[in-house]
Amino acid sequence: MASTEPERENREEEAEVHEDEDTGAQVAPIVRLEEVAVTTGEEDEDALLDLKSKMYRFDKDGNQWKERGAGTVKLLKHKQTGKVRLVMRQSKTLKICANHLISSGMSVQEHSGNEKSCLWHATDFSDGELKDELFCIRFASIEKKVVLKVPFT
């Protein structure tokens, strides 16, 4: 058995030498992809808030809360007009699950069932048509919820 140990060590040394060796092989890509400019619609806006959260909307027909999405909620202020809007995109798909202006008449209320959550009414355009919705958003901590309330006041 003692004779196999040096052989094993020699094989390991040879393997290390072969790994570092440049073979000179060239692999050409099968498909060439062109760079595509992506616009988000947020180019003329500054982010006032950018937090991870989970959003729900109240379904009046079913009389229950339905999850709208989990992802990043942003408050965006337009550089020229100064208008602020709330935009939320789902984490994996980046699909918009909330998109509405913050107006002076809007107010955020505490959710009685969860201290990390807020409620508000808004006319939303995330589905491509204007709809009056009741939203609930839940954050990981109470501190993050307080940051959301500032633009509404």
Protein backbone atom coordinates (compact mmCIF):
# COMPACT_ATOMS: atom_id res chain seq x y z
CA MET A 1 0.00 0.00 0.00
CA ALA A 2 2.88 2.33 0.60
CA SER A 3 3.77 2.23 -3.10
CA THR A 4 0.39 3.73 -4.17
CA GLU A 5 0.74 6.90 -2.09
CA PRO A 6 3.57 8.47 -4.15
CA GLU A 7 1.70 7.61 -7.37
CA ARG A 8 -1.38 9.44 -6.08
CA GLU A 9 0.73 12.50 -5.18
CA ASN A 10 2.35 12.52 -8.63
CA ARG A 11 -1.10 12.40 -10.32
CA GLU A 12 -2.29 15.35 -8.22
CA GLU A 13 0.82 17.36 -9.17
CA GLU A 14 0.29 16.53 -12.86
CA ALA A 15 -3.36 17.56 -12.61
CA GLU A 16 -2.33 20.95 -11.19
CA VAL A 17 0.13 21.48 -14.04
CA HIS A 18 -2.50 20.63 -16.66
CA GLU A 19 -5.09 22.99 -15.13
CA ASP A 20 -2.79 25.99 -15.50
CA GLU A 21 -1.69 25.10 -19.02
CA ASP A 22 -3.15 27.28 -21.80
CA THR A 23 -4.44 25.13 -24.64
CA GLY A 24 -4.97 28.07 -26.99
CA ALA A 25 -8.51 26.92 -27.78
CA GLN A 26 -10.91 29.66 -28.89
CA VAL A 27 -14.64 29.31 -28.28
CA ALA A 28 -16.79 31.57 -30.43
CA PRO A 29 -20.26 32.57 -29.19
CA ILE A 30 -23.15 30.82 -30.92
CA VAL A 31 -25.41 33.87 -30.85
CA ARG A 32 -24.35 37.50 -30.84
CA LEU A 33 -26.53 39.74 -28.70
CA GLU A 34 -26.81 43.45 -29.29
CA GLU A 35 -26.97 45.82 -26.33
CA VAL A 36 -30.49 47.13 -25.82
CA ALA A 37 -31.29 50.42 -24.10
CA VAL A 38 -33.93 49.86 -21.42
CA THR A 39 -36.12 52.69 -20.20
CA THR A 40 -38.00 52.39 -16.92
CA GLY A 41 -39.95 55.65 -17.07
CA GLU A 42 -38.09 56.76 -13.96
CA GLU A 43 -35.25 58.60 -15.74
CA ASP A 44 -36.65 62.11 -15.02
CA GLU A 45 -37.33 61.36 -11.35
CA ASP A 46 -35.33 61.24 -8.12
CA ALA A 47 -35.97 58.47 -5.60
CA LEU A 48 -37.07 59.78 -2.20
CA LEU A 49 -37.65 56.30 -0.82
CA ASP A 50 -36.55 52.82 -1.92
CA LEU A 51 -37.60 50.00 0.44
CA LYS A 52 -38.50 46.33 0.25
CA SER A 53 -42.08 45.57 1.26
CA LYS A 54 -45.18 43.54 0.53
CA MET A 55 -48.31 45.19 -0.90
CA TYR A 56 -51.95 44.14 -0.73
CA ARG A 57 -55.13 45.54 -2.27
CA PHE A 58 -58.62 45.15 -0.89
CA ASP A 59 -60.93 43.11 -3.13
CA LYS A 60 -64.41 44.58 -2.65
CA ASP A 61 -66.15 41.69 -4.39
CA GLY A 62 -64.55 39.01 -2.22
CA ASN A 63 -64.37 41.27 0.86
CA GLN A 64 -60.75 40.24 1.50
CA TRP A 65 -57.14 41.40 1.12
CA LYS A 66 -55.27 40.04 -1.91
CA GLU A 67 -51.53 40.17 -2.29
CA ARG A 68 -50.48 42.59 -5.03
CA GLY A 69 -46.77 41.78 -4.87
CA ALA A 70 -43.55 41.67 -2.89
CA GLY A 71 -40.68 43.86 -3.98
CA THR A 72 -39.32 47.37 -3.95
CA VAL A 73 -41.56 50.36 -3.31
CA LYS A 74 -40.25 53.75 -4.45
CA LEU A 75 -41.43 57.29 -3.95
CA LEU A 76 -40.26 59.20 -7.02
CA LYS A 77 -40.20 62.99 -7.33
CA HIS A 78 -40.27 64.42 -10.85
CA LYS A 79 -37.33 66.76 -11.45
CA GLN A 80 -39.36 69.41 -13.32
CA THR A 81 -42.93 69.25 -12.00
CA GLY A 82 -42.12 68.26 -8.40
CA LYS A 83 -44.96 65.71 -8.37
CA VAL A 84 -44.38 62.62 -6.25
CA ARG A 85 -45.61 59.18 -7.24
CA LEU A 86 -45.49 55.75 -5.63
CA VAL A 87 -44.19 52.92 -7.82
CA MET A 88 -43.79 49.34 -6.70
CA ARG A 89 -42.23 46.54 -8.75
CA GLN A 90 -42.25 42.84 -7.96
CA SER A 91 -38.82 41.50 -7.04
CA LYS A 92 -38.28 38.76 -9.60
CA THR A 93 -40.35 39.86 -12.59
CA LEU A 94 -40.06 43.68 -12.11
CA LYS A 95 -43.74 43.90 -13.04
CA ILE A 96 -45.39 47.07 -11.75
CA CYS A 97 -47.88 46.31 -8.99
CA ALA A 98 -48.59 49.93 -7.93
CA ASN A 99 -48.27 53.23 -9.75
CA HIS A 100 -50.05 56.35 -8.54
CA LEU A 101 -49.51 60.01 -7.74
CA ILE A 102 -49.32 61.19 -4.16
CA SER A 103 -51.81 64.04 -3.81
CA SER A 104 -52.37 66.48 -0.97
CA GLY A 105 -55.75 64.89 -0.16
CA MET A 106 -54.29 61.44 0.46
CA SER A 107 -53.66 60.19 3.95
CA VAL A 108 -51.92 57.14 5.35
CA GLN A 109 -53.53 55.38 8.30
CA GLU A 110 -52.21 52.80 10.70
CA HIS A 111 -53.45 49.29 10.05
CA SER A 112 -55.18 48.11 13.20
CA GLY A 113 -54.15 44.47 12.67
CA ASN A 114 -50.40 45.01 12.17
CA GLU A 115 -48.19 47.82 13.47
CA LYS A 116 -45.76 47.41 10.53
CA SER A 117 -48.52 48.16 7.99
CA CYS A 118 -50.17 51.25 6.50
CA LEU A 119 -53.41 51.79 4.57
CA TRP A 120 -54.39 54.41 1.96
CA HIS A 121 -56.79 55.01 -0.92
CA ALA A 122 -55.43 55.89 -4.36
CA THR A 123 -56.40 55.99 -8.01
CA ASP A 124 -53.95 53.44 -9.39
CA PHE A 125 -52.73 52.90 -12.96
CA SER A 126 -50.64 49.72 -12.58
CA ASP A 127 -53.03 47.59 -14.68
CA GLY A 128 -53.20 50.13 -17.51
CA GLU A 129 -56.50 51.68 -16.41
CA LEU A 130 -57.38 54.06 -13.59
CA LYS A 131 -59.01 52.30 -10.63
CA ASP A 132 -59.78 53.49 -7.12
CA GLU A 133 -58.06 51.01 -4.79
CA LEU A 134 -57.51 50.55 -1.07
CA PHE A 135 -53.90 49.56 -0.48
CA CYS A 136 -52.04 48.06 2.44
CA ILE A 137 -48.27 47.88 2.57
CA ARG A 138 -46.26 45.90 5.12
CA PHE A 139 -42.62 46.59 5.94
CA ALA A 140 -40.01 44.54 7.80
CA SER A 141 -39.91 47.03 10.67
CA ILE A 142 -41.87 49.91 12.19
CA GLU A 143 -39.03 52.37 11.42
CA LYS A 144 -39.41 51.81 7.68
CA LYS A 145 -43.16 52.41 7.89
CA VAL A 146 -42.57 55.86 9.41
CA VAL A 147 -40.45 56.88 6.40
CA LEU A 148 -43.38 56.14 4.04
CA LYS A 149 -45.77 58.38 5.97
CA VAL A 150 -43.66 61.57 5.53
CA PRO A 151 -44.61 62.43 1.89
CA PHE A 152 -48.31 61.94 2.63
CA THR A 153 -48.31 64.63 5.33
